[in-house]
Amino acid sequence: MPAIRVQLPHHLYSLARCTRELALDIQGPATLAAVLDAIDAAHPDLVGLIRDRATRQRRPLIRFYACQTDLSNTALDAPLPDEVTRGREPLLVVGAIAGG
């Protein structure tokens, strides 16, 4: 299986001191949870920033997109789109904008 490409927002890749786009090898089913586990393992500085440490659910101001689809409310154990698992499209982690 090709590596899954993940693009992080500026504040997260700056904090993790990595590049904007990560290439992650996922063992087993390619799901959001598996990708987030791989990010946490590769970049411990990001643990708890994308998903809550206790509940392991997505933080409210973090969104996930792939293939022009909002995956933010998709179950974390749902399979990722084929285009993402084949490495043709990145999974985008986006910091939502809030305020008034």
PDB file of N, CA and C in Angstrom:
ATOM      1  N   MET A   1       0.857  -1.179   0.000  1.00  0.00           N
ATOM      2  CA  MET A   1       0.000   0.000   0.000  1.00  0.00           C
ATOM      3  C   MET A   1       0.899   1.237   0.000  1.00  0.00           C
ATOM      4  N   PRO A   2       0.634   2.200  -0.900  1.00  0.00           N
ATOM      5  CA  PRO A   2       1.418   3.438  -0.898  1.00  0.00           C
ATOM      6  C   PRO A   2       1.184   4.224   0.395  1.00  0.00           C
ATOM      7  N   ALA A   3       2.100   5.099   0.671  1.00  0.00           N
ATOM      8  CA  ALA A   3       1.971   5.928   1.869  1.00  0.00           C
ATOM      9  C   ALA A   3       0.774   6.860   1.730  1.00  0.00           C
ATOM     10  N   ILE A   4       0.119   7.101   2.837  1.00  0.00           N
ATOM     11  CA  ILE A   4      -0.987   8.051   2.871  1.00  0.00           C
ATOM     12  C   ILE A   4      -0.400   9.433   3.090  1.00  0.00           C
ATOM     13  N   ARG A   5      -0.791  10.339   2.227  1.00  0.00           N
ATOM     14  CA  ARG A   5      -0.304  11.717   2.310  1.00  0.00           C
ATOM     15  C   ARG A   5      -1.245  12.519   3.206  1.00  0.00           C
ATOM     16  N   VAL A   6      -0.663  13.234   4.160  1.00  0.00           N
ATOM     17  CA  VAL A   6      -1.439  14.059   5.081  1.00  0.00           C
ATOM     18  C   VAL A   6      -0.842  15.456   5.076  1.00  0.00           C
ATOM     19  N   GLN A   7      -1.681  16.447   4.862  1.00  0.00           N
ATOM     20  CA  GLN A   7      -1.215  17.842   4.914  1.00  0.00           C
ATOM     21  C   GLN A   7      -1.723  18.474   6.196  1.00  0.00           C
ATOM     22  N   LEU A   8      -0.790  19.065   6.925  1.00  0.00           N
ATOM     23  CA  LEU A   8      -1.099  19.697   8.205  1.00  0.00           C
ATOM     24  C   LEU A   8      -1.172  21.213   8.046  1.00  0.00           C
ATOM     25  N   PRO A   9      -1.948  21.892   8.893  1.00  0.00           N
ATOM     26  CA  PRO A   9      -1.953  23.351   8.872  1.00  0.00           C
ATOM     27  C   PRO A   9      -0.630  23.897   9.437  1.00  0.00           C
ATOM     28  N   HIS A  10      -0.350  25.142   9.096  1.00  0.00           N
ATOM     29  CA  HIS A  10       0.928  25.754   9.462  1.00  0.00           C
ATOM     30  C   HIS A  10       1.257  25.620  10.946  1.00  0.00           C
ATOM     31  N   HIS A  11       0.298  25.920  11.820  1.00  0.00           N
ATOM     32  CA  HIS A  11       0.609  25.900  13.255  1.00  0.00           C
ATOM     33  C   HIS A  11       0.992  24.505  13.738  1.00  0.00           C
ATOM     34  N   LEU A  12       0.426  23.458  13.142  1.00  0.00           N
ATOM     35  CA  LEU A  12       0.760  22.110  13.594  1.00  0.00           C
ATOM     36  C   LEU A  12       2.097  21.636  13.037  1.00  0.00           C
ATOM     37  N   TYR A  13       2.354  21.870  11.753  1.00  0.00           N
ATOM     38  CA  TYR A  13       3.652  21.393  11.242  1.00  0.00           C
ATOM     39  C   TYR A  13       4.798  22.244  11.780  1.00  0.00           C
ATOM     40  N   SER A  14       4.534  23.506  12.132  1.00  0.00           N
ATOM     41  CA  SER A  14       5.590  24.315  12.772  1.00  0.00           C
ATOM     42  C   SER A  14       5.897  23.788  14.165  1.00  0.00           C
ATOM     43  N   LEU A  15       4.854  23.459  14.913  1.00  0.00           N
ATOM     44  CA  LEU A  15       5.045  22.931  16.266  1.00  0.00           C
ATOM     45  C   LEU A  15       5.783  21.587  16.226  1.00  0.00           C
ATOM     46  N   ALA A  16       5.433  20.744  15.269  1.00  0.00           N
ATOM     47  CA  ALA A  16       6.063  19.423  15.163  1.00  0.00           C
ATOM     48  C   ALA A  16       7.423  19.473  14.469  1.00  0.00           C
ATOM     49  N   ARG A  17       7.785  20.645  13.948  1.00  0.00           N
ATOM     50  CA  ARG A  17       9.052  20.820  13.222  1.00  0.00           C
ATOM     51  C   ARG A  17       9.185  19.768  12.110  1.00  0.00           C
ATOM     52  N   CYS A  18       8.139  19.708  11.307  1.00  0.00           N
ATOM     53  CA  CYS A  18       8.158  18.775  10.181  1.00  0.00           C
ATOM     54  C   CYS A  18       7.679  19.520   8.931  1.00  0.00           C
ATOM     55  N   THR A  19       7.606  18.815   7.844  1.00  0.00           N
ATOM     56  CA  THR A  19       7.119  19.438   6.619  1.00  0.00           C
ATOM     57  C   THR A  19       5.589  19.475   6.624  1.00  0.00           C
ATOM     58  N   ARG A  20       5.052  20.293   5.742  1.00  0.00           N
ATOM     59  CA  ARG A  20       3.595  20.421   5.672  1.00  0.00           C
ATOM     60  C   ARG A  20       2.937  19.097   5.325  1.00  0.00           C
ATOM     61  N   GLU A  21       3.554  18.368   4.412  1.00  0.00           N
ATOM     62  CA  GLU A  21       2.952  17.107   4.000  1.00  0.00           C
ATOM     63  C   GLU A  21       3.727  15.934   4.581  1.00  0.00           C
ATOM     64  N   LEU A  22       3.007  15.043   5.226  1.00  0.00           N
ATOM     65  CA  LEU A  22       3.586  13.828   5.795  1.00  0.00           C
ATOM     66  C   LEU A  22       3.233  12.657   4.889  1.00  0.00           C
ATOM     67  N   ALA A  23       4.090  11.681   4.843  1.00  0.00           N
ATOM     68  CA  ALA A  23       3.804  10.418   4.153  1.00  0.00           C
ATOM     69  C   ALA A  23       3.815   9.327   5.216  1.00  0.00           C
ATOM     70  N   LEU A  24       2.652   8.767   5.472  1.00  0.00           N
ATOM     71  CA  LEU A  24       2.507   7.811   6.569  1.00  0.00           C
ATOM     72  C   LEU A  24       2.199   6.424   6.037  1.00  0.00           C
ATOM     73  N   ASP A  25       2.943   5.450   6.534  1.00  0.00           N
ATOM     74  CA  ASP A  25       2.653   4.048   6.223  1.00  0.00           C
ATOM     75  C   ASP A  25       1.702   3.540   7.286  1.00  0.00           C
ATOM     76  N   ILE A  26       0.555   3.115   6.864  1.00  0.00           N
ATOM     77  CA  ILE A  26      -0.470   2.644   7.791  1.00  0.00           C
ATOM     78  C   ILE A  26      -0.523   1.121   7.722  1.00  0.00           C
ATOM     79  N   GLN A  27      -0.439   0.496   8.874  1.00  0.00           N
ATOM     80  CA  GLN A  27      -0.582  -0.961   8.961  1.00  0.00           C
ATOM     81  C   GLN A  27      -2.047  -1.273   9.243  1.00  0.00           C
ATOM     82  N   GLY A  28      -2.633  -2.143   8.475  1.00  0.00           N
ATOM     83  CA  GLY A  28      -4.032  -2.492   8.683  1.00  0.00           C
ATOM     84  C   GLY A  28      -4.945  -1.563   7.927  1.00  0.00           C
ATOM     85  N   PRO A  29      -6.228  -1.548   8.304  1.00  0.00           N
ATOM     86  CA  PRO A  29      -7.198  -0.723   7.587  1.00  0.00           C
ATOM     87  C   PRO A  29      -6.842   0.772   7.671  1.00  0.00           C
ATOM     88  N   ALA A  30      -6.957   1.440   6.531  1.00  0.00           N
ATOM     89  CA  ALA A  30      -6.661   2.878   6.472  1.00  0.00           C
ATOM     90  C   ALA A  30      -7.901   3.655   6.882  1.00  0.00           C
ATOM     91  N   THR A  31      -7.883   4.127   8.105  1.00  0.00           N
ATOM     92  CA  THR A  31      -8.988   4.909   8.659  1.00  0.00           C
ATOM     93  C   THR A  31      -8.431   6.208   9.219  1.00  0.00           C
ATOM     94  N   LEU A  32      -9.337   7.124   9.543  1.00  0.00           N
ATOM     95  CA  LEU A  32      -8.880   8.357  10.191  1.00  0.00           C
ATOM     96  C   LEU A  32      -8.168   8.040  11.503  1.00  0.00           C
ATOM     97  N   ALA A  33      -8.716   7.112  12.270  1.00  0.00           N
ATOM     98  CA  ALA A  33      -8.092   6.753  13.550  1.00  0.00           C
ATOM     99  C   ALA A  33      -6.675   6.222  13.334  1.00  0.00           C
ATOM    100  N   ALA A  34      -6.496   5.391  12.314  1.00  0.00           N
ATOM    101  CA  ALA A  34      -5.159   4.838  12.039  1.00  0.00           C
ATOM    102  C   ALA A  34      -4.199   5.951  11.628  1.00  0.00           C
ATOM    103  N   VAL A  35      -4.678   6.891  10.825  1.00  0.00           N
ATOM    104  CA  VAL A  35      -3.829   8.013  10.410  1.00  0.00           C
ATOM    105  C   VAL A  35      -3.471   8.874  11.620  1.00  0.00           C
ATOM    106  N   LEU A  36      -4.439   9.148  12.468  1.00  0.00           N
ATOM    107  CA  LEU A  36      -4.160   9.969  13.647  1.00  0.00           C
ATOM    108  C   LEU A  36      -3.208   9.252  14.606  1.00  0.00           C
ATOM    109  N   ASP A  37      -3.355   7.942  14.735  1.00  0.00           N
ATOM    110  CA  ASP A  37      -2.408   7.174  15.559  1.00  0.00           C
ATOM    111  C   ASP A  37      -0.993   7.283  14.979  1.00  0.00           C
ATOM    112  N   ALA A  38      -0.883   7.206  13.657  1.00  0.00           N
ATOM    113  CA  ALA A  38       0.437   7.296  13.016  1.00  0.00           C
ATOM    114  C   ALA A  38       1.041   8.697  13.191  1.00  0.00           C
ATOM    115  N   ILE A  39       0.210   9.721  13.111  1.00  0.00           N
ATOM    116  CA  ILE A  39       0.709  11.092  13.339  1.00  0.00           C
ATOM    117  C   ILE A  39       1.203  11.220  14.783  1.00  0.00           C
ATOM    118  N   ASP A  40       0.427  10.724  15.726  1.00  0.00           N
ATOM    119  CA  ASP A  40       0.821  10.800  17.141  1.00  0.00           C
ATOM    120  C   ASP A  40       2.139  10.057  17.382  1.00  0.00           C
ATOM    121  N   ALA A  41       2.289   8.901  16.749  1.00  0.00           N
ATOM    122  CA  ALA A  41       3.510   8.109  16.943  1.00  0.00           C
ATOM    123  C   ALA A  41       4.727   8.808  16.325  1.00  0.00           C
ATOM    124  N   ALA A  42       4.540   9.402  15.173  1.00  0.00           N
ATOM    125  CA  ALA A  42       5.665  10.043  14.480  1.00  0.00           C
ATOM    126  C   ALA A  42       5.985  11.428  15.034  1.00  0.00           C
ATOM    127  N   HIS A  43       4.970  12.092  15.578  1.00  0.00           N
ATOM    128  CA  HIS A  43       5.152  13.471  16.044  1.00  0.00           C
ATOM    129  C   HIS A  43       4.480  13.649  17.416  1.00  0.00           C
ATOM    130  N   PRO A  44       5.141  13.199  18.477  1.00  0.00           N
ATOM    131  CA  PRO A  44       4.537  13.259  19.818  1.00  0.00           C
ATOM    132  C   PRO A  44       4.143  14.674  20.259  1.00  0.00           C
ATOM    133  N   ASP A  45       4.767  15.703  19.680  1.00  0.00           N
ATOM    134  CA  ASP A  45       4.380  17.077  20.031  1.00  0.00           C
ATOM    135  C   ASP A  45       2.939  17.379  19.643  1.00  0.00           C
ATOM    136  N   LEU A  46       2.381  16.596  18.755  1.00  0.00           N
ATOM    137  CA  LEU A  46       1.014  16.845  18.280  1.00  0.00           C
ATOM    138  C   LEU A  46      -0.042  16.048  19.047  1.00  0.00           C
ATOM    139  N   VAL A  47       0.394  15.173  19.952  1.00  0.00           N
ATOM    140  CA  VAL A  47      -0.571  14.371  20.717  1.00  0.00           C
ATOM    141  C   VAL A  47      -1.480  15.304  21.515  1.00  0.00           C
ATOM    142  N   GLY A  48      -2.763  15.132  21.347  1.00  0.00           N
ATOM    143  CA  GLY A  48      -3.751  15.934  22.065  1.00  0.00           C
ATOM    144  C   GLY A  48      -4.151  17.210  21.342  1.00  0.00           C
ATOM    145  N   LEU A  49      -3.496  17.541  20.256  1.00  0.00           N
ATOM    146  CA  LEU A  49      -3.839  18.778  19.550  1.00  0.00           C
ATOM    147  C   LEU A  49      -4.859  18.548  18.431  1.00  0.00           C
ATOM    148  N   ILE A  50      -4.808  17.403  17.797  1.00  0.00           N
ATOM    149  CA  ILE A  50      -5.761  17.114  16.719  1.00  0.00           C
ATOM    150  C   ILE A  50      -7.003  16.438  17.304  1.00  0.00           C
ATOM    151  N   ARG A  51      -6.806  15.558  18.261  1.00  0.00           N
ATOM    152  CA  ARG A  51      -7.933  14.930  18.939  1.00  0.00           C
ATOM    153  C   ARG A  51      -7.675  14.943  20.443  1.00  0.00           C
ATOM    154  N   ASP A  52      -8.753  14.938  21.168  1.00  0.00           N
ATOM    155  CA  ASP A  52      -8.687  15.002  22.621  1.00  0.00           C
ATOM    156  C   ASP A  52      -7.994  13.758  23.175  1.00  0.00           C
ATOM    157  N   ARG A  53      -7.091  13.960  24.130  1.00  0.00           N
ATOM    158  CA  ARG A  53      -6.361  12.822  24.696  1.00  0.00           C
ATOM    159  C   ARG A  53      -7.279  11.831  25.396  1.00  0.00           C
ATOM    160  N   ALA A  54      -8.275  12.331  26.115  1.00  0.00           N
ATOM    161  CA  ALA A  54      -9.136  11.450  26.907  1.00  0.00           C
ATOM    162  C   ALA A  54     -10.186  10.753  26.038  1.00  0.00           C
ATOM    163  N   THR A  55     -10.889  11.519  25.217  1.00  0.00           N
ATOM    164  CA  THR A  55     -11.984  10.936  24.434  1.00  0.00           C
ATOM    165  C   THR A  55     -11.511  10.373  23.104  1.00  0.00           C
ATOM    166  N   ARG A  56     -10.341  10.829  22.643  1.00  0.00           N
ATOM    167  CA  ARG A  56      -9.765  10.445  21.343  1.00  0.00           C
ATOM    168  C   ARG A  56     -10.659  10.862  20.171  1.00  0.00           C
ATOM    169  N   GLN A  57     -11.490  11.892  20.415  1.00  0.00           N
ATOM    170  CA  GLN A  57     -12.347  12.442  19.369  1.00  0.00           C
ATOM    171  C   GLN A  57     -11.708  13.708  18.813  1.00  0.00           C
ATOM    172  N   ARG A  58     -12.070  14.044  17.595  1.00  0.00           N
ATOM    173  CA  ARG A  58     -11.552  15.235  16.924  1.00  0.00           C
ATOM    174  C   ARG A  58     -11.830  16.475  17.759  1.00  0.00           C
ATOM    175  N   ARG A  59     -10.814  17.351  17.866  1.00  0.00           N
ATOM    176  CA  ARG A  59     -11.028  18.636  18.541  1.00  0.00           C
ATOM    177  C   ARG A  59     -12.020  19.450  17.720  1.00  0.00           C
ATOM    178  N   PRO A  60     -12.848  20.271  18.377  1.00  0.00           N
ATOM    179  CA  PRO A  60     -13.903  20.986  17.647  1.00  0.00           C
ATOM    180  C   PRO A  60     -13.404  21.881  16.515  1.00  0.00           C
ATOM    181  N   LEU A  61     -12.254  22.472  16.635  1.00  0.00           N
ATOM    182  CA  LEU A  61     -11.789  23.401  15.606  1.00  0.00           C
ATOM    183  C   LEU A  61     -10.819  22.756  14.625  1.00  0.00           C
ATOM    184  N   ILE A  62     -10.815  21.459  14.576  1.00  0.00           N
ATOM    185  CA  ILE A  62     -10.024  20.731  13.581  1.00  0.00           C
ATOM    186  C   ILE A  62     -10.997  20.055  12.617  1.00  0.00           C
ATOM    187  N   ARG A  63     -10.724  20.166  11.339  1.00  0.00           N
ATOM    188  CA  ARG A  63     -11.563  19.552  10.310  1.00  0.00           C
ATOM    189  C   ARG A  63     -10.693  18.645   9.434  1.00  0.00           C
ATOM    190  N   PHE A  64     -11.315  17.641   8.824  1.00  0.00           N
ATOM    191  CA  PHE A  64     -10.627  16.732   7.908  1.00  0.00           C
ATOM    192  C   PHE A  64     -11.326  16.785   6.553  1.00  0.00           C
ATOM    193  N   TYR A  65     -10.525  16.915   5.501  1.00  0.00           N
ATOM    194  CA  TYR A  65     -11.066  16.914   4.143  1.00  0.00           C
ATOM    195  C   TYR A  65     -10.233  15.987   3.269  1.00  0.00           C
ATOM    196  N   ALA A  66     -10.898  15.390   2.295  1.00  0.00           N
ATOM    197  CA  ALA A  66     -10.205  14.607   1.270  1.00  0.00           C
ATOM    198  C   ALA A  66     -11.122  14.501   0.069  1.00  0.00           C
ATOM    199  N   CYS A  67     -10.553  14.564  -1.102  1.00  0.00           N
ATOM    200  CA  CYS A  67     -11.325  14.390  -2.342  1.00  0.00           C
ATOM    201  C   CYS A  67     -12.520  15.344  -2.370  1.00  0.00           C
ATOM    202  N   GLN A  68     -12.312  16.570  -1.931  1.00  0.00           N
ATOM    203  CA  GLN A  68     -13.336  17.613  -1.911  1.00  0.00           C
ATOM    204  C   GLN A  68     -14.539  17.236  -1.035  1.00  0.00           C
ATOM    205  N   THR A  69     -14.297  16.410  -0.041  1.00  0.00           N
ATOM    206  CA  THR A  69     -15.358  15.982   0.873  1.00  0.00           C
ATOM    207  C   THR A  69     -14.934  16.263   2.306  1.00  0.00           C
ATOM    208  N   ASP A  70     -15.874  16.774   3.092  1.00  0.00           N
ATOM    209  CA  ASP A  70     -15.627  17.009   4.503  1.00  0.00           C
ATOM    210  C   ASP A  70     -15.794  15.684   5.251  1.00  0.00           C
ATOM    211  N   LEU A  71     -14.709  15.180   5.801  1.00  0.00           N
ATOM    212  CA  LEU A  71     -14.737  13.907   6.538  1.00  0.00           C
ATOM    213  C   LEU A  71     -14.789  14.135   8.045  1.00  0.00           C
ATOM    214  N   SER A  72     -14.975  15.377   8.452  1.00  0.00           N
ATOM    215  CA  SER A  72     -14.875  15.727   9.872  1.00  0.00           C
ATOM    216  C   SER A  72     -15.858  14.967  10.749  1.00  0.00           C
ATOM    217  N   ASN A  73     -17.038  14.706  10.250  1.00  0.00           N
ATOM    218  CA  ASN A  73     -18.041  14.018  11.063  1.00  0.00           C
ATOM    219  C   ASN A  73     -18.171  12.540  10.703  1.00  0.00           C
ATOM    220  N   THR A  74     -17.224  12.061   9.913  1.00  0.00           N
ATOM    221  CA  THR A  74     -17.182  10.645   9.579  1.00  0.00           C
ATOM    222  C   THR A  74     -16.630   9.881  10.781  1.00  0.00           C
ATOM    223  N   ALA A  75     -17.134   8.690  10.998  1.00  0.00           N
ATOM    224  CA  ALA A  75     -16.623   7.868  12.106  1.00  0.00           C
ATOM    225  C   ALA A  75     -15.118   7.662  11.928  1.00  0.00           C
ATOM    226  N   LEU A  76     -14.388   7.740  13.020  1.00  0.00           N
ATOM    227  CA  LEU A  76     -12.931   7.610  12.945  1.00  0.00           C
ATOM    228  C   LEU A  76     -12.492   6.235  12.448  1.00  0.00           C
ATOM    229  N   ASP A  77     -13.355   5.244  12.573  1.00  0.00           N
ATOM    230  CA  ASP A  77     -12.980   3.905  12.106  1.00  0.00           C
ATOM    231  C   ASP A  77     -13.523   3.591  10.708  1.00  0.00           C
ATOM    232  N   ALA A  78     -14.080   4.591  10.038  1.00  0.00           N
ATOM    233  CA  ALA A  78     -14.562   4.394   8.663  1.00  0.00           C
ATOM    234  C   ALA A  78     -13.369   4.398   7.707  1.00  0.00           C
ATOM    235  N   PRO A  79     -13.439   3.604   6.649  1.00  0.00           N
ATOM    236  CA  PRO A  79     -12.327   3.584   5.682  1.00  0.00           C
ATOM    237  C   PRO A  79     -12.175   4.941   4.987  1.00  0.00           C
ATOM    238  N   LEU A  80     -10.933   5.298   4.713  1.00  0.00           N
ATOM    239  CA  LEU A  80     -10.671   6.522   3.961  1.00  0.00           C
ATOM    240  C   LEU A  80     -10.975   6.280   2.483  1.00  0.00           C
ATOM    241  N   PRO A  81     -11.241   7.346   1.721  1.00  0.00           N
ATOM    242  CA  PRO A  81     -11.491   7.177   0.280  1.00  0.00           C
ATOM    243  C   PRO A  81     -10.302   6.486  -0.399  1.00  0.00           C
ATOM    244  N   ASP A  82     -10.607   5.717  -1.436  1.00  0.00           N
ATOM    245  CA  ASP A  82      -9.564   4.991  -2.166  1.00  0.00           C
ATOM    246  C   ASP A  82      -8.473   5.919  -2.696  1.00  0.00           C
ATOM    247  N   GLU A  83      -8.850   7.099  -3.162  1.00  0.00           N
ATOM    248  CA  GLU A  83      -7.864   8.037  -3.696  1.00  0.00           C
ATOM    249  C   GLU A  83      -6.834   8.423  -2.625  1.00  0.00           C
ATOM    250  N   VAL A  84      -7.262   8.462  -1.391  1.00  0.00           N
ATOM    251  CA  VAL A  84      -6.341   8.780  -0.287  1.00  0.00           C
ATOM    252  C   VAL A  84      -5.465   7.578   0.034  1.00  0.00           C
ATOM    253  N   THR A  85      -6.069   6.407   0.099  1.00  0.00           N
ATOM    254  CA  THR A  85      -5.278   5.216   0.453  1.00  0.00           C
ATOM    255  C   THR A  85      -4.287   4.854  -0.643  1.00  0.00           C
ATOM    256  N   ARG A  86      -4.570   5.264  -1.877  1.00  0.00           N
ATOM    257  CA  ARG A  86      -3.638   5.005  -2.974  1.00  0.00           C
ATOM    258  C   ARG A  86      -2.593   6.100  -3.126  1.00  0.00           C
ATOM    259  N   GLY A  87      -2.672   7.121  -2.292  1.00  0.00           N
ATOM    260  CA  GLY A  87      -1.680   8.189  -2.317  1.00  0.00           C
ATOM    261  C   GLY A  87      -1.891   9.213  -3.421  1.00  0.00           C
ATOM    262  N   ARG A  88      -3.030   9.151  -4.089  1.00  0.00           N
ATOM    263  CA  ARG A  88      -3.292  10.108  -5.172  1.00  0.00           C
ATOM    264  C   ARG A  88      -3.803  11.441  -4.648  1.00  0.00           C
ATOM    265  N   GLU A  89      -4.503  11.410  -3.551  1.00  0.00           N
ATOM    266  CA  GLU A  89      -5.045  12.626  -2.937  1.00  0.00           C
ATOM    267  C   GLU A  89      -4.585  12.682  -1.484  1.00  0.00           C
ATOM    268  N   PRO A  90      -4.285  13.884  -0.971  1.00  0.00           N
ATOM    269  CA  PRO A  90      -3.907  13.979   0.440  1.00  0.00           C
ATOM    270  C   PRO A  90      -5.139  14.059   1.340  1.00  0.00           C
ATOM    271  N   LEU A  91      -4.932  13.668   2.570  1.00  0.00           N
ATOM    272  CA  LEU A  91      -5.909  13.936   3.623  1.00  0.00           C
ATOM    273  C   LEU A  91      -5.506  15.281   4.207  1.00  0.00           C
ATOM    274  N   LEU A  92      -6.432  16.221   4.218  1.00  0.00           N
ATOM    275  CA  LEU A  92      -6.128  17.560   4.710  1.00  0.00           C
ATOM    276  C   LEU A  92      -6.616  17.697   6.144  1.00  0.00           C
ATOM    277  N   VAL A  93      -5.729  18.120   7.027  1.00  0.00           N
ATOM    278  CA  VAL A  93      -6.099  18.470   8.393  1.00  0.00           C
ATOM    279  C   VAL A  93      -6.126  19.997   8.417  1.00  0.00           C
ATOM    280  N   VAL A  94      -7.288  20.544   8.722  1.00  0.00           N
ATOM    281  CA  VAL A  94      -7.475  21.987   8.613  1.00  0.00           C
ATOM    282  C   VAL A  94      -7.889  22.543   9.970  1.00  0.00           C
ATOM    283  N   GLY A  95      -7.250  23.620  10.364  1.00  0.00           N
ATOM    284  CA  GLY A  95      -7.645  24.328  11.567  1.00  0.00           C
ATOM    285  C   GLY A  95      -8.768  25.282  11.197  1.00  0.00           C
ATOM    286  N   ALA A  96      -9.952  25.084  11.785  1.00  0.00           N
ATOM    287  CA  ALA A  96     -11.094  25.934  11.469  1.00  0.00           C
ATOM    288  C   ALA A  96     -10.869  27.343  12.012  1.00  0.00           C
ATOM    289  N   ILE A  97     -11.526  28.273  11.402  1.00  0.00           N
ATOM    290  CA  ILE A  97     -11.435  29.669  11.822  1.00  0.00           C
ATOM    291  C   ILE A  97     -12.702  30.003  12.589  1.00  0.00           C
ATOM    292  N   ALA A  98     -12.522  30.559  13.769  1.00  0.00           N
ATOM    293  CA  ALA A  98     -13.666  30.946  14.589  1.00  0.00           C
ATOM    294  C   ALA A  98     -13.428  32.355  15.118  1.00  0.00           C
ATOM    295  N   GLY A  99     -14.465  32.954  15.500  1.00  0.00           N
ATOM    296  CA  GLY A  99     -14.348  34.293  16.067  1.00  0.00           C
ATOM    297  C   GLY A  99     -15.418  35.195  15.506  1.00  0.00           C
ATOM    298  N   GLY A 100     -15.374  36.398  15.905  1.00  0.00           N
ATOM    299  CA  GLY A 100     -16.407  37.290  15.409  1.00  0.00           C
ATOM    300  C   GLY A 100     -15.933  38.702  15.333  1.00  0.00           C
TER     301      GLY A 100
END
